[in-house]
Amino acid sequence: MLRHFPLPAPHRKTSSKKVVVARLQELPVFLATLTHKTLVLTSISSLLSASIGGILRRSHNNKLIHGWEELSAVE
């Protein structure tokens, strides 16, 4: 008994020019996505930086106030 296999579809070679054009058409979307991700990461890092800076500043100020109170109590 013979098995009948479908014939492979004729291989169509896409020209390199078409590939380049297709890739160039995708470029604006890629750049927009990359820019958006960069802006989001920048925003998150600046928020974290501001939060950490505020916490450290408050901690430093509390130490200064506490130290000043100790010095005032000694006098």
N, C-alpha and C. Protein backbone atom coordinates (compact mmCIF):
# COMPACT_ATOMS: atom_id res chain seq x y z
N MET A 1 0.84 -1.18 0.00
CA MET A 1 0.00 0.00 0.00
C MET A 1 0.89 1.25 0.00
N LEU A 2 0.63 2.14 -0.91
CA LEU A 2 1.42 3.35 -1.02
C LEU A 2 0.73 4.48 -0.25
N ARG A 3 1.53 5.24 0.44
CA ARG A 3 1.00 6.43 1.13
C ARG A 3 1.17 7.63 0.22
N HIS A 4 0.17 8.46 0.21
CA HIS A 4 0.26 9.67 -0.60
C HIS A 4 0.56 10.84 0.30
N PHE A 5 1.70 11.43 0.13
CA PHE A 5 2.10 12.61 0.89
C PHE A 5 1.81 13.84 0.04
N PRO A 6 1.32 14.89 0.67
CA PRO A 6 1.08 16.10 -0.12
C PRO A 6 2.42 16.65 -0.62
N LEU A 7 2.37 17.19 -1.78
CA LEU A 7 3.58 17.79 -2.33
C LEU A 7 3.90 19.07 -1.57
N PRO A 8 5.17 19.33 -1.31
CA PRO A 8 5.51 20.57 -0.61
C PRO A 8 5.14 21.78 -1.46
N ALA A 9 4.72 22.81 -0.78
CA ALA A 9 4.37 24.05 -1.49
C ALA A 9 5.62 24.60 -2.14
N PRO A 10 5.46 25.18 -3.30
CA PRO A 10 6.65 25.74 -3.95
C PRO A 10 7.28 26.82 -3.06
N HIS A 11 8.55 26.75 -2.94
CA HIS A 11 9.27 27.68 -2.06
C HIS A 11 9.36 29.04 -2.73
N ARG A 12 8.78 30.02 -2.05
CA ARG A 12 8.87 31.37 -2.59
C ARG A 12 9.91 32.13 -1.80
N LYS A 13 10.88 32.60 -2.47
CA LYS A 13 11.94 33.35 -1.81
C LYS A 13 11.53 34.82 -1.74
N THR A 14 11.54 35.36 -0.53
CA THR A 14 11.22 36.77 -0.36
C THR A 14 12.49 37.56 -0.63
N SER A 15 12.35 38.57 -1.43
CA SER A 15 13.54 39.35 -1.76
C SER A 15 14.03 40.09 -0.53
N SER A 16 15.32 40.29 -0.45
CA SER A 16 15.89 40.97 0.70
C SER A 16 15.41 42.41 0.78
N LYS A 17 15.09 43.00 -0.37
CA LYS A 17 14.58 44.37 -0.37
C LYS A 17 13.23 44.43 0.34
N LYS A 18 12.37 43.44 0.10
CA LYS A 18 11.06 43.39 0.76
C LYS A 18 11.23 43.21 2.27
N VAL A 19 12.20 42.40 2.66
CA VAL A 19 12.45 42.16 4.08
C VAL A 19 12.91 43.46 4.74
N VAL A 20 13.80 44.17 4.10
CA VAL A 20 14.32 45.43 4.64
C VAL A 20 13.20 46.44 4.77
N VAL A 21 12.35 46.54 3.74
CA VAL A 21 11.24 47.48 3.77
C VAL A 21 10.27 47.12 4.91
N ALA A 22 10.00 45.84 5.07
CA ALA A 22 9.10 45.40 6.15
C ALA A 22 9.68 45.73 7.51
N ARG A 23 10.97 45.52 7.67
CA ARG A 23 11.62 45.83 8.96
C ARG A 23 11.61 47.34 9.22
N LEU A 24 11.84 48.13 8.19
CA LEU A 24 11.84 49.59 8.35
C LEU A 24 10.44 50.09 8.71
N GLN A 25 9.42 49.43 8.21
CA GLN A 25 8.05 49.82 8.54
C GLN A 25 7.73 49.51 10.00
N GLU A 26 8.39 48.51 10.57
CA GLU A 26 8.18 48.17 11.98
C GLU A 26 8.99 49.07 12.91
N LEU A 27 9.96 49.79 12.39
CA LEU A 27 10.87 50.58 13.21
C LEU A 27 10.17 51.65 14.05
N PRO A 28 9.22 52.45 13.52
CA PRO A 28 8.57 53.46 14.37
C PRO A 28 7.86 52.86 15.58
N VAL A 29 7.21 51.72 15.38
CA VAL A 29 6.51 51.07 16.50
C VAL A 29 7.53 50.59 17.54
N PHE A 30 8.62 50.01 17.07
CA PHE A 30 9.67 49.54 17.97
C PHE A 30 10.25 50.71 18.78
N LEU A 31 10.55 51.81 18.08
CA LEU A 31 11.12 52.97 18.77
C LEU A 31 10.14 53.59 19.76
N ALA A 32 8.86 53.63 19.39
CA ALA A 32 7.86 54.17 20.30
C ALA A 32 7.75 53.31 21.55
N THR A 33 7.76 52.00 21.36
CA THR A 33 7.69 51.09 22.51
C THR A 33 8.92 51.24 23.39
N LEU A 34 10.08 51.32 22.77
CA LEU A 34 11.32 51.47 23.52
C LEU A 34 11.33 52.79 24.29
N THR A 35 10.89 53.87 23.64
CA THR A 35 10.84 55.17 24.30
C THR A 35 9.88 55.14 25.48
N HIS A 36 8.73 54.52 25.29
CA HIS A 36 7.74 54.44 26.38
C HIS A 36 8.31 53.67 27.57
N LYS A 37 8.93 52.53 27.30
CA LYS A 37 9.51 51.73 28.38
C LYS A 37 10.61 52.52 29.09
N THR A 38 11.42 53.24 28.32
CA THR A 38 12.49 54.05 28.92
C THR A 38 11.91 55.13 29.82
N LEU A 39 10.84 55.80 29.34
CA LEU A 39 10.21 56.85 30.16
C LEU A 39 9.61 56.28 31.43
N VAL A 40 8.98 55.12 31.33
CA VAL A 40 8.38 54.49 32.51
C VAL A 40 9.47 54.15 33.52
N LEU A 41 10.56 53.54 33.05
CA LEU A 41 11.65 53.18 33.96
C LEU A 41 12.30 54.41 34.58
N THR A 42 12.45 55.47 33.78
CA THR A 42 13.02 56.71 34.29
C THR A 42 12.12 57.30 35.37
N SER A 43 10.82 57.28 35.13
CA SER A 43 9.88 57.82 36.12
C SER A 43 9.93 57.02 37.40
N ILE A 44 9.95 55.71 37.28
CA ILE A 44 10.00 54.86 38.48
C ILE A 44 11.29 55.12 39.24
N SER A 45 12.42 55.21 38.54
CA SER A 45 13.69 55.40 39.24
C SER A 45 13.75 56.78 39.90
N SER A 46 13.18 57.80 39.25
CA SER A 46 13.21 59.12 39.88
C SER A 46 12.29 59.17 41.10
N LEU A 47 11.16 58.47 41.04
CA LEU A 47 10.27 58.40 42.21
C LEU A 47 10.96 57.69 43.37
N LEU A 48 11.63 56.58 43.06
CA LEU A 48 12.36 55.85 44.10
C LEU A 48 13.48 56.70 44.68
N SER A 49 14.17 57.39 43.81
CA SER A 49 15.27 58.24 44.25
C SER A 49 14.76 59.35 45.17
N ALA A 50 13.65 59.98 44.78
CA ALA A 50 13.08 61.04 45.60
C ALA A 50 12.59 60.49 46.94
N SER A 51 11.98 59.31 46.92
CA SER A 51 11.49 58.71 48.16
C SER A 51 12.64 58.37 49.10
N ILE A 52 13.66 57.74 48.55
CA ILE A 52 14.82 57.37 49.38
C ILE A 52 15.52 58.62 49.90
N GLY A 53 15.65 59.64 49.01
CA GLY A 53 16.27 60.90 49.43
C GLY A 53 15.49 61.56 50.55
N GLY A 54 14.15 61.54 50.44
CA GLY A 54 13.31 62.12 51.49
C GLY A 54 13.45 61.37 52.80
N ILE A 55 13.49 60.06 52.72
CA ILE A 55 13.64 59.25 53.94
C ILE A 55 14.99 59.52 54.60
N LEU A 56 16.05 59.56 53.79
CA LEU A 56 17.38 59.82 54.35
C LEU A 56 17.48 61.23 54.93
N ARG A 57 16.85 62.19 54.23
CA ARG A 57 16.89 63.57 54.72
C ARG A 57 16.16 63.68 56.07
N ARG A 58 14.98 63.04 56.14
CA ARG A 58 14.24 63.07 57.40
C ARG A 58 15.02 62.38 58.52
N SER A 59 15.64 61.28 58.19
CA SER A 59 16.43 60.56 59.18
C SER A 59 17.60 61.42 59.65
N HIS A 60 18.26 62.09 58.72
CA HIS A 60 19.39 62.96 59.05
C HIS A 60 18.92 64.13 59.91
N ASN A 61 17.78 64.74 59.52
CA ASN A 61 17.25 65.86 60.29
C ASN A 61 16.85 65.43 61.70
N ASN A 62 16.26 64.24 61.82
CA ASN A 62 15.87 63.75 63.14
C ASN A 62 17.09 63.55 64.02
N LYS A 63 18.18 63.06 63.44
CA LYS A 63 19.41 62.88 64.22
C LYS A 63 19.96 64.23 64.66
N LEU A 64 19.90 65.21 63.75
CA LEU A 64 20.39 66.55 64.12
C LEU A 64 19.55 67.15 65.24
N ILE A 65 18.22 67.03 65.11
CA ILE A 65 17.34 67.58 66.15
C ILE A 65 17.56 66.86 67.46
N HIS A 66 17.64 65.53 67.40
CA HIS A 66 17.86 64.75 68.61
C HIS A 66 19.21 65.11 69.25
N GLY A 67 20.23 65.25 68.40
CA GLY A 67 21.55 65.62 68.92
C GLY A 67 21.53 67.02 69.52
N TRP A 68 20.80 67.95 68.90
CA TRP A 68 20.70 69.32 69.42
C TRP A 68 19.97 69.32 70.76
N GLU A 69 18.93 68.49 70.89
CA GLU A 69 18.21 68.39 72.16
C GLU A 69 19.13 67.85 73.26
N GLU A 70 19.96 66.89 72.90
CA GLU A 70 20.90 66.34 73.89
C GLU A 70 21.91 67.41 74.31
N LEU A 71 22.40 68.19 73.35
CA LEU A 71 23.35 69.24 73.67
C LEU A 71 22.68 70.32 74.53
N SER A 72 21.45 70.65 74.23
CA SER A 72 20.72 71.67 75.00
C SER A 72 20.48 71.19 76.42
N ALA A 73 20.23 69.89 76.58
CA ALA A 73 19.96 69.35 77.91
C ALA A 73 21.23 69.38 78.77
N VAL A 74 22.41 69.25 78.14
CA VAL A 74 23.67 69.25 78.88
C VAL A 74 23.96 70.64 79.42
N GLU A 75 23.61 71.66 78.65
CA GLU A 75 23.92 73.04 79.07
C GLU A 75 23.11 73.43 80.21
